[in-house]
Amino acid sequence: MVMTMNKTMFIKEISKRCDISVEDATIVNSILEDNFFLSKSSKDNIVNSIIGALNIDIDKATSIYDTCVSIASEAVKNKIKHPFRNLDKK
């Protein structure tokens, strides 16, 4: 069974994969929501925002950004593979 991902699940997954608190993951999610984070041109701006908000180094912020893109990409791929998944629950 394939799970669809909502905002809460996305935040928990960020927290788990990046080894940060749920509160910090919520801050990261807010930064991502304020930007089009799947765009490579936004990466530097987002990474700098993460550095400022969480007071971490550039390597950790870049890792968090890359992990978030990976999580989102996986969710999109699952949705494409299983487009009618939500209809099964009705």
PDB file of N, CA and C in Angstrom:
ATOM      1  N   MET A   1       0.848  -1.174   0.000  1.00  0.00           N
ATOM      2  CA  MET A   1       0.000   0.000   0.000  1.00  0.00           C
ATOM      3  C   MET A   1       0.897   1.242   0.000  1.00  0.00           C
ATOM      4  N   VAL A   2       0.514   2.208  -0.780  1.00  0.00           N
ATOM      5  CA  VAL A   2       1.277   3.444  -0.916  1.00  0.00           C
ATOM      6  C   VAL A   2       0.608   4.533  -0.089  1.00  0.00           C
ATOM      7  N   MET A   3       1.403   5.229   0.697  1.00  0.00           N
ATOM      8  CA  MET A   3       0.880   6.322   1.509  1.00  0.00           C
ATOM      9  C   MET A   3       0.989   7.629   0.740  1.00  0.00           C
ATOM     10  N   THR A   4      -0.045   8.439   0.820  1.00  0.00           N
ATOM     11  CA  THR A   4       0.082   9.798   0.308  1.00  0.00           C
ATOM     12  C   THR A   4       0.590  10.653   1.463  1.00  0.00           C
ATOM     13  N   MET A   5       1.328  11.693   1.144  1.00  0.00           N
ATOM     14  CA  MET A   5       1.978  12.472   2.187  1.00  0.00           C
ATOM     15  C   MET A   5       1.272  13.810   2.373  1.00  0.00           C
ATOM     16  N   ASN A   6       0.912  14.103   3.617  1.00  0.00           N
ATOM     17  CA  ASN A   6       0.358  15.418   3.930  1.00  0.00           C
ATOM     18  C   ASN A   6       1.434  16.249   4.631  1.00  0.00           C
ATOM     19  N   LYS A   7       1.079  17.450   4.999  1.00  0.00           N
ATOM     20  CA  LYS A   7       2.047  18.386   5.586  1.00  0.00           C
ATOM     21  C   LYS A   7       2.656  17.841   6.880  1.00  0.00           C
ATOM     22  N   THR A   8       1.839  17.288   7.743  1.00  0.00           N
ATOM     23  CA  THR A   8       2.328  16.759   9.018  1.00  0.00           C
ATOM     24  C   THR A   8       3.308  15.610   8.797  1.00  0.00           C
ATOM     25  N   MET A   9       2.970  14.742   7.868  1.00  0.00           N
ATOM     26  CA  MET A   9       3.856  13.619   7.565  1.00  0.00           C
ATOM     27  C   MET A   9       5.168  14.114   6.960  1.00  0.00           C
ATOM     28  N   PHE A  10       5.084  15.141   6.118  1.00  0.00           N
ATOM     29  CA  PHE A  10       6.277  15.714   5.503  1.00  0.00           C
ATOM     30  C   PHE A  10       7.198  16.281   6.585  1.00  0.00           C
ATOM     31  N   ILE A  11       6.635  16.998   7.528  1.00  0.00           N
ATOM     32  CA  ILE A  11       7.428  17.575   8.620  1.00  0.00           C
ATOM     33  C   ILE A  11       8.068  16.474   9.464  1.00  0.00           C
ATOM     34  N   LYS A  12       7.318  15.432   9.774  1.00  0.00           N
ATOM     35  CA  LYS A  12       7.872  14.322  10.554  1.00  0.00           C
ATOM     36  C   LYS A  12       8.984  13.613   9.791  1.00  0.00           C
ATOM     37  N   GLU A  13       8.821  13.489   8.497  1.00  0.00           N
ATOM     38  CA  GLU A  13       9.848  12.841   7.683  1.00  0.00           C
ATOM     39  C   GLU A  13      11.121  13.693   7.620  1.00  0.00           C
ATOM     40  N   ILE A  14      10.967  15.011   7.519  1.00  0.00           N
ATOM     41  CA  ILE A  14      12.128  15.902   7.569  1.00  0.00           C
ATOM     42  C   ILE A  14      12.854  15.715   8.901  1.00  0.00           C
ATOM     43  N   SER A  15      12.096  15.723   9.984  1.00  0.00           N
ATOM     44  CA  SER A  15      12.671  15.566  11.317  1.00  0.00           C
ATOM     45  C   SER A  15      13.443  14.250  11.434  1.00  0.00           C
ATOM     46  N   LYS A  16      12.843  13.187  10.947  1.00  0.00           N
ATOM     47  CA  LYS A  16      13.443  11.855  11.043  1.00  0.00           C
ATOM     48  C   LYS A  16      14.706  11.745  10.191  1.00  0.00           C
ATOM     49  N   ARG A  17      14.603  12.117   8.927  1.00  0.00           N
ATOM     50  CA  ARG A  17      15.737  11.942   8.012  1.00  0.00           C
ATOM     51  C   ARG A  17      16.883  12.906   8.262  1.00  0.00           C
ATOM     52  N   CYS A  18      16.571  14.076   8.751  1.00  0.00           N
ATOM     53  CA  CYS A  18      17.613  15.090   8.976  1.00  0.00           C
ATOM     54  C   CYS A  18      18.112  15.110  10.406  1.00  0.00           C
ATOM     55  N   ASP A  19      17.504  14.305  11.260  1.00  0.00           N
ATOM     56  CA  ASP A  19      17.872  14.240  12.668  1.00  0.00           C
ATOM     57  C   ASP A  19      17.795  15.623  13.326  1.00  0.00           C
ATOM     58  N   ILE A  20      16.627  16.277  13.124  1.00  0.00           N
ATOM     59  CA  ILE A  20      16.348  17.559  13.768  1.00  0.00           C
ATOM     60  C   ILE A  20      15.008  17.448  14.484  1.00  0.00           C
ATOM     61  N   SER A  21      14.735  18.380  15.365  1.00  0.00           N
ATOM     62  CA  SER A  21      13.471  18.343  16.111  1.00  0.00           C
ATOM     63  C   SER A  21      12.295  18.639  15.181  1.00  0.00           C
ATOM     64  N   VAL A  22      11.120  18.261  15.619  1.00  0.00           N
ATOM     65  CA  VAL A  22       9.907  18.546  14.851  1.00  0.00           C
ATOM     66  C   VAL A  22       9.714  20.062  14.737  1.00  0.00           C
ATOM     67  N   GLU A  23      10.078  20.789  15.784  1.00  0.00           N
ATOM     68  CA  GLU A  23       9.966  22.249  15.751  1.00  0.00           C
ATOM     69  C   GLU A  23      10.869  22.841  14.669  1.00  0.00           C
ATOM     70  N   ASP A  24      12.108  22.354  14.594  1.00  0.00           N
ATOM     71  CA  ASP A  24      13.019  22.824  13.553  1.00  0.00           C
ATOM     72  C   ASP A  24      12.529  22.400  12.167  1.00  0.00           C
ATOM     73  N   ALA A  25      11.993  21.197  12.073  1.00  0.00           N
ATOM     74  CA  ALA A  25      11.449  20.721  10.795  1.00  0.00           C
ATOM     75  C   ALA A  25      10.264  21.582  10.365  1.00  0.00           C
ATOM     76  N   THR A  26       9.481  22.046  11.313  1.00  0.00           N
ATOM     77  CA  THR A  26       8.353  22.943  11.008  1.00  0.00           C
ATOM     78  C   THR A  26       8.865  24.273  10.462  1.00  0.00           C
ATOM     79  N   ILE A  27       9.946  24.769  11.032  1.00  0.00           N
ATOM     80  CA  ILE A  27      10.559  26.011  10.538  1.00  0.00           C
ATOM     81  C   ILE A  27      11.067  25.809   9.112  1.00  0.00           C
ATOM     82  N   VAL A  28      11.726  24.680   8.873  1.00  0.00           N
ATOM     83  CA  VAL A  28      12.223  24.373   7.531  1.00  0.00           C
ATOM     84  C   VAL A  28      11.056  24.296   6.554  1.00  0.00           C
ATOM     85  N   ASN A  29       9.980  23.639   6.952  1.00  0.00           N
ATOM     86  CA  ASN A  29       8.809  23.534   6.082  1.00  0.00           C
ATOM     87  C   ASN A  29       8.247  24.915   5.749  1.00  0.00           C
ATOM     88  N   SER A  30       8.211  25.807   6.724  1.00  0.00           N
ATOM     89  CA  SER A  30       7.724  27.168   6.475  1.00  0.00           C
ATOM     90  C   SER A  30       8.601  27.896   5.462  1.00  0.00           C
ATOM     91  N   ILE A  31       9.906  27.720   5.585  1.00  0.00           N
ATOM     92  CA  ILE A  31      10.833  28.325   4.619  1.00  0.00           C
ATOM     93  C   ILE A  31      10.570  27.758   3.225  1.00  0.00           C
ATOM     94  N   LEU A  32      10.370  26.451   3.143  1.00  0.00           N
ATOM     95  CA  LEU A  32      10.111  25.821   1.848  1.00  0.00           C
ATOM     96  C   LEU A  32       8.798  26.305   1.246  1.00  0.00           C
ATOM     97  N   GLU A  33       7.790  26.477   2.083  1.00  0.00           N
ATOM     98  CA  GLU A  33       6.495  26.946   1.593  1.00  0.00           C
ATOM     99  C   GLU A  33       6.569  28.377   1.060  1.00  0.00           C
ATOM    100  N   ASP A  34       7.490  29.159   1.591  1.00  0.00           N
ATOM    101  CA  ASP A  34       7.647  30.546   1.145  1.00  0.00           C
ATOM    102  C   ASP A  34       8.432  30.658  -0.157  1.00  0.00           C
ATOM    103  N   ASN A  35       8.989  29.561  -0.615  1.00  0.00           N
ATOM    104  CA  ASN A  35       9.800  29.537  -1.832  1.00  0.00           C
ATOM    105  C   ASN A  35       9.367  28.360  -2.699  1.00  0.00           C
ATOM    106  N   PHE A  36       9.685  28.432  -3.973  1.00  0.00           N
ATOM    107  CA  PHE A  36       9.463  27.282  -4.848  1.00  0.00           C
ATOM    108  C   PHE A  36      10.707  26.418  -4.729  1.00  0.00           C
ATOM    109  N   PHE A  37      10.685  25.488  -3.748  1.00  0.00           N
ATOM    110  CA  PHE A  37      11.918  24.823  -3.367  1.00  0.00           C
ATOM    111  C   PHE A  37      12.383  23.743  -4.326  1.00  0.00           C
ATOM    112  N   LEU A  38      11.581  23.347  -5.289  1.00  0.00           N
ATOM    113  CA  LEU A  38      12.052  22.365  -6.259  1.00  0.00           C
ATOM    114  C   LEU A  38      12.864  23.020  -7.370  1.00  0.00           C
ATOM    115  N   SER A  39      12.940  24.321  -7.357  1.00  0.00           N
ATOM    116  CA  SER A  39      13.716  25.063  -8.347  1.00  0.00           C
ATOM    117  C   SER A  39      15.156  25.207  -7.871  1.00  0.00           C
ATOM    118  N   LYS A  40      16.095  24.828  -8.722  1.00  0.00           N
ATOM    119  CA  LYS A  40      17.506  24.923  -8.353  1.00  0.00           C
ATOM    120  C   LYS A  40      17.940  26.372  -8.134  1.00  0.00           C
ATOM    121  N   SER A  41      17.271  27.308  -8.789  1.00  0.00           N
ATOM    122  CA  SER A  41      17.650  28.718  -8.628  1.00  0.00           C
ATOM    123  C   SER A  41      17.302  29.255  -7.237  1.00  0.00           C
ATOM    124  N   SER A  42      16.396  28.611  -6.539  1.00  0.00           N
ATOM    125  CA  SER A  42      16.013  29.038  -5.189  1.00  0.00           C
ATOM    126  C   SER A  42      16.870  28.407  -4.101  1.00  0.00           C
ATOM    127  N   LYS A  43      17.699  27.454  -4.476  1.00  0.00           N
ATOM    128  CA  LYS A  43      18.450  26.682  -3.481  1.00  0.00           C
ATOM    129  C   LYS A  43      19.287  27.566  -2.559  1.00  0.00           C
ATOM    130  N   ASP A  44      20.061  28.484  -3.121  1.00  0.00           N
ATOM    131  CA  ASP A  44      20.931  29.326  -2.288  1.00  0.00           C
ATOM    132  C   ASP A  44      20.139  30.164  -1.297  1.00  0.00           C
ATOM    133  N   ASN A  45      19.039  30.732  -1.754  1.00  0.00           N
ATOM    134  CA  ASN A  45      18.187  31.541  -0.887  1.00  0.00           C
ATOM    135  C   ASN A  45      17.607  30.694   0.248  1.00  0.00           C
ATOM    136  N   ILE A  46      17.144  29.510  -0.087  1.00  0.00           N
ATOM    137  CA  ILE A  46      16.549  28.621   0.917  1.00  0.00           C
ATOM    138  C   ILE A  46      17.603  28.160   1.915  1.00  0.00           C
ATOM    139  N   VAL A  47      18.762  27.744   1.415  1.00  0.00           N
ATOM    140  CA  VAL A  47      19.843  27.295   2.299  1.00  0.00           C
ATOM    141  C   VAL A  47      20.247  28.419   3.249  1.00  0.00           C
ATOM    142  N   ASN A  48      20.379  29.629   2.737  1.00  0.00           N
ATOM    143  CA  ASN A  48      20.725  30.769   3.600  1.00  0.00           C
ATOM    144  C   ASN A  48      19.644  31.040   4.641  1.00  0.00           C
ATOM    145  N   SER A  49      18.383  30.884   4.259  1.00  0.00           N
ATOM    146  CA  SER A  49      17.281  31.063   5.214  1.00  0.00           C
ATOM    147  C   SER A  49      17.321  29.995   6.305  1.00  0.00           C
ATOM    148  N   ILE A  50      17.629  28.766   5.919  1.00  0.00           N
ATOM    149  CA  ILE A  50      17.727  27.671   6.899  1.00  0.00           C
ATOM    150  C   ILE A  50      18.886  27.938   7.855  1.00  0.00           C
ATOM    151  N   ILE A  51      20.007  28.389   7.315  1.00  0.00           N
ATOM    152  CA  ILE A  51      21.173  28.711   8.156  1.00  0.00           C
ATOM    153  C   ILE A  51      20.790  29.771   9.189  1.00  0.00           C
ATOM    154  N   GLY A  52      20.129  30.826   8.751  1.00  0.00           N
ATOM    155  CA  GLY A  52      19.735  31.897   9.659  1.00  0.00           C
ATOM    156  C   GLY A  52      18.710  31.468  10.690  1.00  0.00           C
ATOM    157  N   ALA A  53      17.736  30.678  10.268  1.00  0.00           N
ATOM    158  CA  ALA A  53      16.655  30.287  11.173  1.00  0.00           C
ATOM    159  C   ALA A  53      17.089  29.253  12.210  1.00  0.00           C
ATOM    160  N   LEU A  54      17.947  28.319  11.796  1.00  0.00           N
ATOM    161  CA  LEU A  54      18.329  27.229  12.702  1.00  0.00           C
ATOM    162  C   LEU A  54      19.720  27.415  13.306  1.00  0.00           C
ATOM    163  N   ASN A  55      20.442  28.458  12.846  1.00  0.00           N
ATOM    164  CA  ASN A  55      21.787  28.716  13.339  1.00  0.00           C
ATOM    165  C   ASN A  55      22.696  27.491  13.167  1.00  0.00           C
ATOM    166  N   ILE A  56      22.766  26.998  11.928  1.00  0.00           N
ATOM    167  CA  ILE A  56      23.585  25.823  11.607  1.00  0.00           C
ATOM    168  C   ILE A  56      24.551  26.191  10.487  1.00  0.00           C
ATOM    169  N   ASP A  57      25.484  25.283  10.185  1.00  0.00           N
ATOM    170  CA  ASP A  57      26.453  25.567   9.135  1.00  0.00           C
ATOM    171  C   ASP A  57      25.878  25.240   7.752  1.00  0.00           C
ATOM    172  N   ILE A  58      26.598  25.675   6.728  1.00  0.00           N
ATOM    173  CA  ILE A  58      26.109  25.545   5.357  1.00  0.00           C
ATOM    174  C   ILE A  58      25.983  24.084   4.930  1.00  0.00           C
ATOM    175  N   ASP A  59      26.882  23.226   5.401  1.00  0.00           N
ATOM    176  CA  ASP A  59      26.813  21.815   5.011  1.00  0.00           C
ATOM    177  C   ASP A  59      25.543  21.149   5.531  1.00  0.00           C
ATOM    178  N   LYS A  60      25.211  21.415   6.790  1.00  0.00           N
ATOM    179  CA  LYS A  60      23.993  20.845   7.381  1.00  0.00           C
ATOM    180  C   LYS A  60      22.749  21.419   6.698  1.00  0.00           C
ATOM    181  N   ALA A  61      22.739  22.714   6.421  1.00  0.00           N
ATOM    182  CA  ALA A  61      21.596  23.346   5.756  1.00  0.00           C
ATOM    183  C   ALA A  61      21.410  22.798   4.347  1.00  0.00           C
ATOM    184  N   THR A  62      22.503  22.598   3.631  1.00  0.00           N
ATOM    185  CA  THR A  62      22.424  22.028   2.283  1.00  0.00           C
ATOM    186  C   THR A  62      21.911  20.597   2.339  1.00  0.00           C
ATOM    187  N   SER A  63      22.359  19.855   3.317  1.00  0.00           N
ATOM    188  CA  SER A  63      21.887  18.479   3.493  1.00  0.00           C
ATOM    189  C   SER A  63      20.381  18.449   3.779  1.00  0.00           C
ATOM    190  N   ILE A  64      19.915  19.353   4.622  1.00  0.00           N
ATOM    191  CA  ILE A  64      18.483  19.438   4.921  1.00  0.00           C
ATOM    192  C   ILE A  64      17.698  19.776   3.659  1.00  0.00           C
ATOM    193  N   TYR A  65      18.182  20.748   2.895  1.00  0.00           N
ATOM    194  CA  TYR A  65      17.514  21.127   1.639  1.00  0.00           C
ATOM    195  C   TYR A  65      17.444  19.932   0.691  1.00  0.00           C
ATOM    196  N   ASP A  66      18.571  19.257   0.486  1.00  0.00           N
ATOM    197  CA  ASP A  66      18.610  18.113  -0.429  1.00  0.00           C
ATOM    198  C   ASP A  66      17.678  16.992   0.027  1.00  0.00           C
ATOM    199  N   THR A  67      17.616  16.771   1.320  1.00  0.00           N
ATOM    200  CA  THR A  67      16.725  15.750   1.865  1.00  0.00           C
ATOM    201  C   THR A  67      15.262  16.122   1.623  1.00  0.00           C
ATOM    202  N   CYS A  68      14.914  17.379   1.807  1.00  0.00           N
ATOM    203  CA  CYS A  68      13.541  17.836   1.577  1.00  0.00           C
ATOM    204  C   CYS A  68      13.146  17.662   0.109  1.00  0.00           C
ATOM    205  N   VAL A  69      14.055  17.987  -0.786  1.00  0.00           N
ATOM    206  CA  VAL A  69      13.783  17.804  -2.218  1.00  0.00           C
ATOM    207  C   VAL A  69      13.580  16.318  -2.516  1.00  0.00           C
ATOM    208  N   SER A  70      14.391  15.478  -1.912  1.00  0.00           N
ATOM    209  CA  SER A  70      14.272  14.034  -2.103  1.00  0.00           C
ATOM    210  C   SER A  70      12.926  13.517  -1.599  1.00  0.00           C
ATOM    211  N   ILE A  71      12.513  13.954  -0.418  1.00  0.00           N
ATOM    212  CA  ILE A  71      11.225  13.530   0.146  1.00  0.00           C
ATOM    213  C   ILE A  71      10.080  13.951  -0.775  1.00  0.00           C
ATOM    214  N   ALA A  72      10.115  15.197  -1.221  1.00  0.00           N
ATOM    215  CA  ALA A  72       9.058  15.701  -2.105  1.00  0.00           C
ATOM    216  C   ALA A  72       9.052  14.958  -3.434  1.00  0.00           C
ATOM    217  N   SER A  73      10.225  14.679  -3.970  1.00  0.00           N
ATOM    218  CA  SER A  73      10.315  13.961  -5.241  1.00  0.00           C
ATOM    219  C   SER A  73       9.740  12.552  -5.119  1.00  0.00           C
ATOM    220  N   GLU A  74      10.045  11.893  -4.016  1.00  0.00           N
ATOM    221  CA  GLU A  74       9.507  10.555  -3.774  1.00  0.00           C
ATOM    222  C   GLU A  74       7.984  10.592  -3.688  1.00  0.00           C
ATOM    223  N   ALA A  75       7.448  11.602  -3.017  1.00  0.00           N
ATOM    224  CA  ALA A  75       5.995  11.729  -2.888  1.00  0.00           C
ATOM    225  C   ALA A  75       5.342  11.955  -4.246  1.00  0.00           C
ATOM    226  N   VAL A  76       5.967  12.774  -5.089  1.00  0.00           N
ATOM    227  CA  VAL A  76       5.430  13.031  -6.429  1.00  0.00           C
ATOM    228  C   VAL A  76       5.488  11.760  -7.266  1.00  0.00           C
ATOM    229  N   LYS A  77       6.594  11.047  -7.196  1.00  0.00           N
ATOM    230  CA  LYS A  77       6.721   9.793  -7.956  1.00  0.00           C
ATOM    231  C   LYS A  77       5.666   8.786  -7.530  1.00  0.00           C
ATOM    232  N   ASN A  78       5.419   8.684  -6.229  1.00  0.00           N
ATOM    233  CA  ASN A  78       4.388   7.764  -5.746  1.00  0.00           C
ATOM    234  C   ASN A  78       3.005   8.170  -6.247  1.00  0.00           C
ATOM    235  N   LYS A  79       2.748   9.468  -6.286  1.00  0.00           N
ATOM    236  CA  LYS A  79       1.454   9.958  -6.774  1.00  0.00           C
ATOM    237  C   LYS A  79       1.285   9.645  -8.252  1.00  0.00           C
ATOM    238  N   ILE A  80       2.365   9.770  -9.025  1.00  0.00           N
ATOM    239  CA  ILE A  80       2.298   9.451 -10.454  1.00  0.00           C
ATOM    240  C   ILE A  80       2.083   7.960 -10.665  1.00  0.00           C
ATOM    241  N   LYS A  81       2.744   7.139  -9.879  1.00  0.00           N
ATOM    242  CA  LYS A  81       2.605   5.687 -10.008  1.00  0.00           C
ATOM    243  C   LYS A  81       1.221   5.212  -9.573  1.00  0.00           C
ATOM    244  N   HIS A  82       0.618   5.905  -8.631  1.00  0.00           N
ATOM    245  CA  HIS A  82      -0.669   5.498  -8.061  1.00  0.00           C
ATOM    246  C   HIS A  82      -1.632   6.682  -8.052  1.00  0.00           C
ATOM    247  N   PRO A  83      -2.069   7.149  -9.234  1.00  0.00           N
ATOM    248  CA  PRO A  83      -2.871   8.385  -9.305  1.00  0.00           C
ATOM    249  C   PRO A  83      -4.255   8.285  -8.658  1.00  0.00           C
ATOM    250  N   PHE A  84      -4.776   7.098  -8.514  1.00  0.00           N
ATOM    251  CA  PHE A  84      -6.129   6.951  -7.971  1.00  0.00           C
ATOM    252  C   PHE A  84      -6.126   6.433  -6.551  1.00  0.00           C
ATOM    253  N   ARG A  85      -5.012   6.525  -5.876  1.00  0.00           N
ATOM    254  CA  ARG A  85      -4.871   6.016  -4.516  1.00  0.00           C
ATOM    255  C   ARG A  85      -5.902   6.618  -3.572  1.00  0.00           C
ATOM    256  N   ASN A  86      -6.144   7.905  -3.623  1.00  0.00           N
ATOM    257  CA  ASN A  86      -7.095   8.555  -2.716  1.00  0.00           C
ATOM    258  C   ASN A  86      -8.529   8.154  -3.004  1.00  0.00           C
ATOM    259  N   LEU A  87      -8.826   7.755  -4.204  1.00  0.00           N
ATOM    260  CA  LEU A  87     -10.188   7.362  -4.565  1.00  0.00           C
ATOM    261  C   LEU A  87     -10.558   6.016  -3.970  1.00  0.00           C
ATOM    262  N   ASP A  88      -9.569   5.200  -3.630  1.00  0.00           N
ATOM    263  CA  ASP A  88      -9.827   3.887  -3.063  1.00  0.00           C
ATOM    264  C   ASP A  88     -10.456   3.948  -1.687  1.00  0.00           C
ATOM    265  N   LYS A  89     -10.249   5.039  -0.974  1.00  0.00           N
ATOM    266  CA  LYS A  89     -10.753   5.163   0.400  1.00  0.00           C
ATOM    267  C   LYS A  89     -12.214   5.586   0.466  1.00  0.00           C
ATOM    268  N   LYS A  90     -12.790   6.028  -0.631  1.00  0.00           N
ATOM    269  CA  LYS A  90     -14.175   6.524  -0.614  1.00  0.00           C
ATOM    270  C   LYS A  90     -15.182   5.410  -0.574  1.00  0.00           C
TER     271      LYS A  90
END
